[in-house]
């Protein structure tokens, strides 16, 4: 199996790339914008991280497995299309996004940057898949924040709706509560539309905040570490609390405790992506997908919420 990991130098992308390379041919694409944003913000990972070239070299020395790398911005014209044509992936793991809500809301330029990376990147990706890898399985990482906080149980992707005597099965309504969540909701709509219009196979993961920095692969060698961000811009709250507790500092608790959100251990997240890669949606006749009723959910698209709670060690 050939797997393309977009954003493979990132916090989740690097552990996912290592895990999948144990049984797949993996190509990583990244423009290193995550590292650039940290330099601009004056923040850095608590764990020292090597360059992508040094990481892949260390991975090959430790395991004998090779990870191919491509530097590229998927929002730029022709970049992702050229990579898709060359790699011809069976699966694409889409993790290339600006990951911070606080960064996105700091000013209008950073909001625009967040929207550009998410929305334009997703549009270029689905068109590239339509043209050169229409049978590939696209796994895209979203967030439960896309749903907002409705006063009904959140459905897994779709729900049955009755209105004025008529019934239909429609995607669960999205009510994003931030610029970051809005970007993710736009991406989800793009993926649903691509599945319906082009017959693409899409799995849309919507998960809570990820914490931790250790997976089976990062434990093999210090050079394989992934990020551990604990600052107020890029760090998740639980990572920050762990660092504060280790330094015997007060925990900076904020917000309404009754509005707690799900958290996911990084090992669980990596394993979920691995399982979804191994078990794609079944192929369908593209004519069936593209001829679905306009209001119906696409037949090759599925939303899958990852809301595992496991206490940190």
Foldseek 3Di string as FASTA:
>chain_A
DEEEEEPLQALQNVVLQLVCQVPHAYEYEEQCVVVVVCVVVVFFFPADADPPVLLQVVSCVLPVTGYHYDYDQLLDPPPLLVVCQVRLGQEYEYPFADQWQCQLPVDPVSLVVRLSSQQSSLLSNLVSCLVHPQNHEYEYEAAPLQQPDDPDDQDFQWDWDDDPHDIAIAGRDGDHDGSNSVSRNSSVVSVQVSCQARVHAYEYEHEYAEADWDEPVCVSDSNSTHGAGQDPTNHDLVSVQVVCVVVVHDRPDDDDPVPDAAYHYSRRVSVVVVVCNVPTADGDDRVVRHPDDPRHTGPNYTYHYDRDHDDDD
